[in-house]
PDB file of N, CA and C in Angstrom:
ATOM      1  N   UNK A   1      32.588   0.937  -3.402  1.00  0.00           N
ATOM      2  CA  UNK A   1      32.979   1.001  -2.000  1.00  0.00           C
ATOM      3  C   UNK A   1      31.884   1.430  -1.124  1.00  0.00           C
ATOM      4  N   UNK A   2      31.743   0.774  -0.006  1.00  0.00           N
ATOM      5  CA  UNK A   2      30.629   1.237   0.929  1.00  0.00           C
ATOM      6  C   UNK A   2      31.051   2.473   1.698  1.00  0.00           C
ATOM      7  N   UNK A   3      29.977   3.151   2.168  1.00  0.00           N
ATOM      8  CA  UNK A   3      30.142   4.348   2.985  1.00  0.00           C
ATOM      9  C   UNK A   3      29.899   3.891   4.425  1.00  0.00           C
ATOM     10  N   UNK A   4      30.931   3.962   5.268  1.00  0.00           N
ATOM     11  CA  UNK A   4      30.802   3.529   6.696  1.00  0.00           C
ATOM     12  C   UNK A   4      30.693   4.795   7.586  1.00  0.00           C
ATOM     13  N   UNK A   5      29.905   4.611   8.657  1.00  0.00           N
ATOM     14  CA  UNK A   5      29.805   5.675   9.672  1.00  0.00           C
ATOM     15  C   UNK A   5      30.540   5.221  10.891  1.00  0.00           C
ATOM     16  N   UNK A   6      31.309   6.154  11.495  1.00  0.00           N
ATOM     17  CA  UNK A   6      32.075   5.889  12.712  1.00  0.00           C
ATOM     18  C   UNK A   6      31.739   6.934  13.769  1.00  0.00           C
ATOM     19  N   UNK A   7      31.810   6.465  15.051  1.00  0.00           N
ATOM     20  CA  UNK A   7      31.621   7.366  16.155  1.00  0.00           C
ATOM     21  C   UNK A   7      32.717   7.016  17.210  1.00  0.00           C
ATOM     22  N   UNK A   8      33.275   8.091  17.828  1.00  0.00           N
ATOM     23  CA  UNK A   8      34.325   7.883  18.820  1.00  0.00           C
ATOM     24  C   UNK A   8      33.624   7.643  20.175  1.00  0.00           C
ATOM     25  N   UNK A   9      34.026   6.564  20.803  1.00  0.00           N
ATOM     26  CA  UNK A   9      33.481   6.147  22.175  1.00  0.00           C
ATOM     27  C   UNK A   9      34.029   7.068  23.224  1.00  0.00           C
ATOM     28  N   UNK A  10      35.120   7.818  23.039  1.00  0.00           N
ATOM     29  CA  UNK A  10      35.694   8.716  24.015  1.00  0.00           C
ATOM     30  C   UNK A  10      35.135  10.086  24.010  1.00  0.00           C
ATOM     31  N   UNK A  11      35.045  10.677  22.777  1.00  0.00           N
ATOM     32  CA  UNK A  11      34.597  12.143  22.701  1.00  0.00           C
ATOM     33  C   UNK A  11      33.281  12.327  21.971  1.00  0.00           C
ATOM     34  N   UNK A  12      32.783  11.310  21.263  1.00  0.00           N
ATOM     35  CA  UNK A  12      31.471  11.449  20.561  1.00  0.00           C
ATOM     36  C   UNK A  12      31.656  11.933  19.128  1.00  0.00           C
ATOM     37  N   UNK A  13      32.825  12.182  18.651  1.00  0.00           N
ATOM     38  CA  UNK A  13      33.041  12.623  17.309  1.00  0.00           C
ATOM     39  C   UNK A  13      32.485  11.687  16.309  1.00  0.00           C
ATOM     40  N   UNK A  14      31.893  12.136  15.261  1.00  0.00           N
ATOM     41  CA  UNK A  14      31.277  11.287  14.185  1.00  0.00           C
ATOM     42  C   UNK A  14      31.904  11.593  12.833  1.00  0.00           C
ATOM     43  N   UNK A  15      32.029  10.564  12.009  1.00  0.00           N
ATOM     44  CA  UNK A  15      32.616  10.772  10.640  1.00  0.00           C
ATOM     45  C   UNK A  15      32.054   9.690   9.738  1.00  0.00           C
ATOM     46  N   UNK A  16      32.053   9.993   8.413  1.00  0.00           N
ATOM     47  CA  UNK A  16      31.750   8.998   7.400  1.00  0.00           C
ATOM     48  C   UNK A  16      32.954   8.774   6.569  1.00  0.00           C
ATOM     49  N   UNK A  17      33.198   7.544   6.022  1.00  0.00           N
ATOM     50  CA  UNK A  17      34.369   7.223   5.260  1.00  0.00           C
ATOM     51  C   UNK A  17      33.887   6.231   4.182  1.00  0.00           C
ATOM     52  N   UNK A  18      34.416   6.531   2.952  1.00  0.00           N
ATOM     53  CA  UNK A  18      34.245   5.522   1.896  1.00  0.00           C
ATOM     54  C   UNK A  18      35.479   4.621   1.979  1.00  0.00           C
ATOM     55  N   UNK A  19      35.223   3.368   2.283  1.00  0.00           N
ATOM     56  CA  UNK A  19      36.322   2.432   2.551  1.00  0.00           C
ATOM     57  C   UNK A  19      35.994   1.057   1.852  1.00  0.00           C
ATOM     58  N   UNK A  20      37.009   0.244   1.738  1.00  0.00           N
ATOM     59  CA  UNK A  20      36.797  -1.133   1.151  1.00  0.00           C
ATOM     60  C   UNK A  20      36.133  -1.976   2.166  1.00  0.00           C
ATOM     61  N   UNK A  21      35.592  -3.137   1.687  1.00  0.00           N
ATOM     62  CA  UNK A  21      34.863  -4.049   2.555  1.00  0.00           C
ATOM     63  C   UNK A  21      35.834  -4.628   3.628  1.00  0.00           C
ATOM     64  N   UNK A  22      37.162  -4.661   3.343  1.00  0.00           N
ATOM     65  CA  UNK A  22      38.110  -5.238   4.225  1.00  0.00           C
ATOM     66  C   UNK A  22      38.744  -4.192   5.202  1.00  0.00           C
ATOM     67  N   UNK A  23      38.142  -2.969   5.265  1.00  0.00           N
ATOM     68  CA  UNK A  23      38.627  -1.929   6.183  1.00  0.00           C
ATOM     69  C   UNK A  23      38.372  -2.397   7.617  1.00  0.00           C
ATOM     70  N   UNK A  24      39.263  -2.005   8.570  1.00  0.00           N
ATOM     71  CA  UNK A  24      39.141  -2.337   9.987  1.00  0.00           C
ATOM     72  C   UNK A  24      37.917  -1.648  10.567  1.00  0.00           C
ATOM     73  N   UNK A  25      37.327  -2.273  11.584  1.00  0.00           N
ATOM     74  CA  UNK A  25      36.109  -1.693  12.190  1.00  0.00           C
ATOM     75  C   UNK A  25      36.351  -0.633  13.185  1.00  0.00           C
ATOM     76  N   UNK A  26      37.650  -0.310  13.523  1.00  0.00           N
ATOM     77  CA  UNK A  26      37.962   0.769  14.413  1.00  0.00           C
ATOM     78  C   UNK A  26      39.342   1.433  13.936  1.00  0.00           C
ATOM     79  N   UNK A  27      39.402   2.728  14.300  1.00  0.00           N
ATOM     80  CA  UNK A  27      40.608   3.424  13.979  1.00  0.00           C
ATOM     81  C   UNK A  27      40.804   4.571  14.993  1.00  0.00           C
ATOM     82  N   UNK A  28      41.920   5.291  14.899  1.00  0.00           N
ATOM     83  CA  UNK A  28      42.164   6.367  15.818  1.00  0.00           C
ATOM     84  C   UNK A  28      41.273   7.567  15.539  1.00  0.00           C
ATOM     85  N   UNK A  29      40.763   8.191  16.535  1.00  0.00           N
ATOM     86  CA  UNK A  29      39.897   9.388  16.416  1.00  0.00           C
ATOM     87  C   UNK A  29      40.690  10.591  15.959  1.00  0.00           C
ATOM     88  N   UNK A  30      40.276  11.274  14.916  1.00  0.00           N
ATOM     89  CA  UNK A  30      41.043  12.464  14.514  1.00  0.00           C
ATOM     90  C   UNK A  30      40.888  13.658  15.414  1.00  0.00           C
ATOM     91  N   UNK A  31      39.841  13.646  16.311  1.00  0.00           N
ATOM     92  CA  UNK A  31      39.566  14.753  17.195  1.00  0.00           C
ATOM     93  C   UNK A  31      40.309  14.672  18.499  1.00  0.00           C
ATOM     94  N   UNK A  32      40.235  13.497  19.133  1.00  0.00           N
ATOM     95  CA  UNK A  32      40.834  13.310  20.494  1.00  0.00           C
ATOM     96  C   UNK A  32      42.026  12.401  20.502  1.00  0.00           C
ATOM     97  N   UNK A  33      42.322  11.774  19.361  1.00  0.00           N
ATOM     98  CA  UNK A  33      43.465  10.844  19.183  1.00  0.00           C
ATOM     99  C   UNK A  33      43.362   9.585  20.024  1.00  0.00           C
ATOM    100  N   UNK A  34      42.116   9.152  20.422  1.00  0.00           N
ATOM    101  CA  UNK A  34      41.928   7.933  21.119  1.00  0.00           C
ATOM    102  C   UNK A  34      42.249   6.730  20.219  1.00  0.00           C
ATOM    103  N   UNK A  35      43.167   5.881  20.631  1.00  0.00           N
ATOM    104  CA  UNK A  35      43.567   4.769  19.734  1.00  0.00           C
ATOM    105  C   UNK A  35      42.353   3.805  19.705  1.00  0.00           C
ATOM    106  N   UNK A  36      41.824   3.505  18.500  1.00  0.00           N
ATOM    107  CA  UNK A  36      40.726   2.619  18.359  1.00  0.00           C
ATOM    108  C   UNK A  36      39.382   3.171  18.790  1.00  0.00           C
ATOM    109  N   UNK A  37      39.419   4.495  19.036  1.00  0.00           N
ATOM    110  CA  UNK A  37      38.165   5.118  19.583  1.00  0.00           C
ATOM    111  C   UNK A  37      37.057   5.209  18.543  1.00  0.00           C
ATOM    112  N   UNK A  38      37.404   5.321  17.287  1.00  0.00           N
ATOM    113  CA  UNK A  38      36.373   5.432  16.242  1.00  0.00           C
ATOM    114  C   UNK A  38      35.847   4.009  15.886  1.00  0.00           C
ATOM    115  N   UNK A  39      34.693   3.696  16.296  1.00  0.00           N
ATOM    116  CA  UNK A  39      34.016   2.410  16.035  1.00  0.00           C
ATOM    117  C   UNK A  39      33.009   2.509  14.990  1.00  0.00           C
ATOM    118  N   UNK A  40      33.002   1.503  14.116  1.00  0.00           N
ATOM    119  CA  UNK A  40      31.975   1.465  12.980  1.00  0.00           C
ATOM    120  C   UNK A  40      30.591   1.253  13.595  1.00  0.00           C
ATOM    121  N   UNK A  41      29.647   2.015  13.090  1.00  0.00           N
ATOM    122  CA  UNK A  41      28.257   2.012  13.506  1.00  0.00           C
ATOM    123  C   UNK A  41      27.437   1.210  12.577  1.00  0.00           C
ATOM    124  N   UNK A  42      26.299   0.659  13.077  1.00  0.00           N
ATOM    125  CA  UNK A  42      25.321   0.031  12.195  1.00  0.00           C
ATOM    126  C   UNK A  42      24.368   1.035  11.742  1.00  0.00           C
ATOM    127  N   UNK A  43      24.187   1.201  10.439  1.00  0.00           N
ATOM    128  CA  UNK A  43      23.272   2.155   9.910  1.00  0.00           C
ATOM    129  C   UNK A  43      22.416   1.592   8.757  1.00  0.00           C
ATOM    130  N   UNK A  44      21.455   2.286   8.409  1.00  0.00           N
ATOM    131  CA  UNK A  44      20.533   1.865   7.316  1.00  0.00           C
ATOM    132  C   UNK A  44      21.240   2.067   6.008  1.00  0.00           C
ATOM    133  N   UNK A  45      20.765   1.407   5.017  1.00  0.00           N
ATOM    134  CA  UNK A  45      21.403   1.519   3.667  1.00  0.00           C
ATOM    135  C   UNK A  45      20.476   2.351   2.778  1.00  0.00           C
ATOM    136  N   UNK A  46      21.100   2.896   1.758  1.00  0.00           N
ATOM    137  CA  UNK A  46      20.302   3.702   0.756  1.00  0.00           C
ATOM    138  C   UNK A  46      19.964   2.823  -0.415  1.00  0.00           C
ATOM    139  N   UNK A  47      20.429   1.574  -0.407  1.00  0.00           N
ATOM    140  CA  UNK A  47      20.224   0.615  -1.519  1.00  0.00           C
ATOM    141  C   UNK A  47      18.706   0.100  -1.430  1.00  0.00           C
ATOM    142  N   UNK A  48      18.041   0.239  -2.564  1.00  0.00           N
ATOM    143  CA  UNK A  48      16.640  -0.235  -2.598  1.00  0.00           C
ATOM    144  C   UNK A  48      16.364  -0.919  -3.914  1.00  0.00           C
ATOM    145  N   UNK A  49      15.726  -2.032  -3.770  1.00  0.00           N
ATOM    146  CA  UNK A  49      15.269  -2.773  -5.027  1.00  0.00           C
ATOM    147  C   UNK A  49      13.819  -2.426  -5.208  1.00  0.00           C
ATOM    148  N   UNK A  50      13.493  -1.944  -6.411  1.00  0.00           N
ATOM    149  CA  UNK A  50      12.089  -1.517  -6.638  1.00  0.00           C
ATOM    150  C   UNK A  50      11.706  -1.936  -8.054  1.00  0.00           C
ATOM    151  N   UNK A  51      10.436  -1.964  -8.350  1.00  0.00           N
ATOM    152  CA  UNK A  51       9.998  -2.175  -9.701  1.00  0.00           C
ATOM    153  C   UNK A  51       9.878  -3.682  -9.981  1.00  0.00           C
ATOM    154  N   UNK A  52      10.181  -4.120 -11.156  1.00  0.00           N
ATOM    155  CA  UNK A  52       9.981  -5.496 -11.591  1.00  0.00           C
ATOM    156  C   UNK A  52      11.173  -6.385 -11.199  1.00  0.00           C
ATOM    157  N   UNK A  53      12.207  -5.844 -10.658  1.00  0.00           N
ATOM    158  CA  UNK A  53      13.297  -6.632 -10.261  1.00  0.00           C
ATOM    159  C   UNK A  53      14.607  -6.163 -10.884  1.00  0.00           C
ATOM    160  N   UNK A  54      15.722  -6.589 -10.349  1.00  0.00           N
ATOM    161  CA  UNK A  54      16.996  -6.145 -10.879  1.00  0.00           C
ATOM    162  C   UNK A  54      17.633  -7.218 -11.699  1.00  0.00           C
ATOM    163  N   UNK A  55      17.216  -8.421 -11.657  1.00  0.00           N
ATOM    164  CA  UNK A  55      17.862  -9.500 -12.419  1.00  0.00           C
ATOM    165  C   UNK A  55      16.877  -9.997 -13.523  1.00  0.00           C
ATOM    166  N   UNK A  56      17.248  -9.936 -14.700  1.00  0.00           N
ATOM    167  CA  UNK A  56      16.423 -10.501 -15.824  1.00  0.00           C
ATOM    168  C   UNK A  56      17.293 -11.426 -16.594  1.00  0.00           C
ATOM    169  N   UNK A  57      16.819 -12.638 -16.838  1.00  0.00           N
ATOM    170  CA  UNK A  57      17.554 -13.639 -17.559  1.00  0.00           C
ATOM    171  C   UNK A  57      16.586 -14.685 -18.060  1.00  0.00           C
ATOM    172  N   UNK A  58      17.195 -15.670 -18.597  1.00  0.00           N
ATOM    173  CA  UNK A  58      16.319 -16.804 -19.110  1.00  0.00           C
ATOM    174  C   UNK A  58      15.530 -17.528 -18.023  1.00  0.00           C
ATOM    175  N   UNK A  59      16.065 -17.510 -16.791  1.00  0.00           N
ATOM    176  CA  UNK A  59      15.403 -18.230 -15.720  1.00  0.00           C
ATOM    177  C   UNK A  59      14.323 -17.245 -15.108  1.00  0.00           C
ATOM    178  N   UNK A  60      14.177 -16.010 -15.531  1.00  0.00           N
ATOM    179  CA  UNK A  60      13.299 -15.114 -14.936  1.00  0.00           C
ATOM    180  C   UNK A  60      11.933 -15.065 -15.611  1.00  0.00           C
ATOM    181  N   UNK A  61      11.460 -16.160 -15.983  1.00  0.00           N
ATOM    182  CA  UNK A  61      10.117 -16.327 -16.664  1.00  0.00           C
ATOM    183  C   UNK A  61       8.989 -16.226 -15.575  1.00  0.00           C
ATOM    184  N   UNK A  62       7.895 -15.535 -15.914  1.00  0.00           N
ATOM    185  CA  UNK A  62       6.765 -15.526 -14.981  1.00  0.00           C
ATOM    186  C   UNK A  62       6.232 -16.864 -14.627  1.00  0.00           C
ATOM    187  N   UNK A  63       5.785 -17.128 -13.407  1.00  0.00           N
ATOM    188  CA  UNK A  63       5.221 -18.434 -13.107  1.00  0.00           C
ATOM    189  C   UNK A  63       3.911 -18.641 -13.845  1.00  0.00           C
ATOM    190  N   UNK A  64       3.622 -19.920 -14.152  1.00  0.00           N
ATOM    191  CA  UNK A  64       2.309 -20.131 -14.787  1.00  0.00           C
ATOM    192  C   UNK A  64       1.215 -20.086 -13.794  1.00  0.00           C
ATOM    193  N   UNK A  65       0.087 -19.604 -14.286  1.00  0.00           N
ATOM    194  CA  UNK A  65      -1.131 -19.432 -13.444  1.00  0.00           C
ATOM    195  C   UNK A  65      -1.972 -20.684 -13.537  1.00  0.00           C
ATOM    196  N   UNK A  66      -2.272 -21.337 -12.402  1.00  0.00           N
ATOM    197  CA  UNK A  66      -3.071 -22.479 -12.417  1.00  0.00           C
ATOM    198  C   UNK A  66      -4.506 -22.256 -12.830  1.00  0.00           C
ATOM    199  N   UNK A  67      -5.209 -23.287 -13.412  1.00  0.00           N
ATOM    200  CA  UNK A  67      -6.560 -23.079 -13.785  1.00  0.00           C
ATOM    201  C   UNK A  67      -7.504 -22.967 -12.664  1.00  0.00           C
ATOM    202  N   UNK A  68      -7.202 -23.558 -11.549  1.00  0.00           N
ATOM    203  CA  UNK A  68      -8.084 -23.459 -10.385  1.00  0.00           C
ATOM    204  C   UNK A  68      -7.606 -22.346  -9.449  1.00  0.00           C
ATOM    205  N   UNK A  69      -8.503 -21.628  -8.892  1.00  0.00           N
ATOM    206  CA  UNK A  69      -8.225 -20.534  -8.017  1.00  0.00           C
ATOM    207  C   UNK A  69      -8.420 -20.861  -6.523  1.00  0.00           C
ATOM    208  N   UNK A  70      -8.556 -22.136  -6.199  1.00  0.00           N
ATOM    209  CA  UNK A  70      -8.815 -22.523  -4.850  1.00  0.00           C
ATOM    210  C   UNK A  70      -7.452 -22.570  -4.064  1.00  0.00           C
ATOM    211  N   UNK A  71      -7.538 -22.387  -2.732  1.00  0.00           N
ATOM    212  CA  UNK A  71      -6.420 -22.371  -1.961  1.00  0.00           C
ATOM    213  C   UNK A  71      -5.816 -23.765  -1.733  1.00  0.00           C
ATOM    214  N   UNK A  72      -6.595 -24.756  -1.975  1.00  0.00           N
ATOM    215  CA  UNK A  72      -6.095 -26.161  -1.673  1.00  0.00           C
ATOM    216  C   UNK A  72      -4.911 -26.462  -2.666  1.00  0.00           C
ATOM    217  N   UNK A  73      -3.961 -27.186  -2.144  1.00  0.00           N
ATOM    218  CA  UNK A  73      -2.797 -27.572  -2.965  1.00  0.00           C
ATOM    219  C   UNK A  73      -1.703 -26.551  -3.118  1.00  0.00           C
ATOM    220  N   UNK A  74      -1.882 -25.310  -2.508  1.00  0.00           N
ATOM    221  CA  UNK A  74      -0.937 -24.278  -2.584  1.00  0.00           C
ATOM    222  C   UNK A  74      -0.282 -23.926  -1.263  1.00  0.00           C
ATOM    223  N   UNK A  75      -0.412 -24.752  -0.308  1.00  0.00           N
ATOM    224  CA  UNK A  75       0.194 -24.469   0.996  1.00  0.00           C
ATOM    225  C   UNK A  75      -0.667 -23.583   1.906  1.00  0.00           C
ATOM    226  N   UNK A  76      -1.826 -23.198   1.462  1.00  0.00           N
ATOM    227  CA  UNK A  76      -2.652 -22.331   2.297  1.00  0.00           C
ATOM    228  C   UNK A  76      -3.530 -23.175   3.204  1.00  0.00           C
ATOM    229  N   UNK A  77      -3.424 -22.950   4.464  1.00  0.00           N
ATOM    230  CA  UNK A  77      -4.157 -23.743   5.478  1.00  0.00           C
ATOM    231  C   UNK A  77      -5.637 -23.446   5.460  1.00  0.00           C
ATOM    232  N   UNK A  78      -5.990 -22.135   5.454  1.00  0.00           N
ATOM    233  CA  UNK A  78      -7.400 -21.775   5.450  1.00  0.00           C
ATOM    234  C   UNK A  78      -7.783 -20.858   4.337  1.00  0.00           C
ATOM    235  N   UNK A  79      -6.840 -20.510   3.490  1.00  0.00           N
ATOM    236  CA  UNK A  79      -7.146 -19.527   2.390  1.00  0.00           C
ATOM    237  C   UNK A  79      -7.080 -18.098   2.782  1.00  0.00           C
ATOM    238  N   UNK A  80      -6.796 -17.780   4.087  1.00  0.00           N
ATOM    239  CA  UNK A  80      -6.733 -16.454   4.519  1.00  0.00           C
ATOM    240  C   UNK A  80      -5.377 -15.811   4.516  1.00  0.00           C
ATOM    241  N   UNK A  81      -4.495 -16.353   3.742  1.00  0.00           N
ATOM    242  CA  UNK A  81      -3.173 -15.856   3.751  1.00  0.00           C
ATOM    243  C   UNK A  81      -2.919 -14.633   2.757  1.00  0.00           C
ATOM    244  N   UNK A  82      -3.901 -14.371   1.878  1.00  0.00           N
ATOM    245  CA  UNK A  82      -3.755 -13.205   1.005  1.00  0.00           C
ATOM    246  C   UNK A  82      -3.029 -13.540  -0.221  1.00  0.00           C
ATOM    247  N   UNK A  83      -2.678 -14.792  -0.489  1.00  0.00           N
ATOM    248  CA  UNK A  83      -1.919 -15.107  -1.704  1.00  0.00           C
ATOM    249  C   UNK A  83      -2.943 -15.142  -2.916  1.00  0.00           C
ATOM    250  N   UNK A  84      -2.495 -15.071  -4.132  1.00  0.00           N
ATOM    251  CA  UNK A  84      -3.389 -15.041  -5.267  1.00  0.00           C
ATOM    252  C   UNK A  84      -4.168 -16.275  -5.449  1.00  0.00           C
ATOM    253  N   UNK A  85      -3.807 -17.346  -4.761  1.00  0.00           N
ATOM    254  CA  UNK A  85      -4.537 -18.633  -4.897  1.00  0.00           C
ATOM    255  C   UNK A  85      -5.572 -18.739  -3.841  1.00  0.00           C
ATOM    256  N   UNK A  86      -5.753 -17.780  -3.027  1.00  0.00           N
ATOM    257  CA  UNK A  86      -6.724 -17.880  -1.883  1.00  0.00           C
ATOM    258  C   UNK A  86      -8.152 -17.843  -2.372  1.00  0.00           C
ATOM    259  N   UNK A  87      -8.380 -17.358  -3.570  1.00  0.00           N
ATOM    260  CA  UNK A  87      -9.700 -17.382  -4.212  1.00  0.00           C
ATOM    261  C   UNK A  87     -10.533 -16.324  -3.527  1.00  0.00           C
TER     262      UNK A  87
END
């Protein structure tokens, strides 16, 4: 279940709730009782993908390295893109 942050538009009260994905985006404020006063806020996530990746399977084979290290043929216009094929 995701952790949602809410803020009351009437009194400024803030709260966090663990709710299902289908939870309503507004509800009554527990502090001032404003109907629909608590509105869901946009916030950053604590979820991070790091390391070699989170999905490993048969299709997750490393790409083959071409014998040529030139930028031509790899979509690089001038070779200044910083890709491993830029040479």
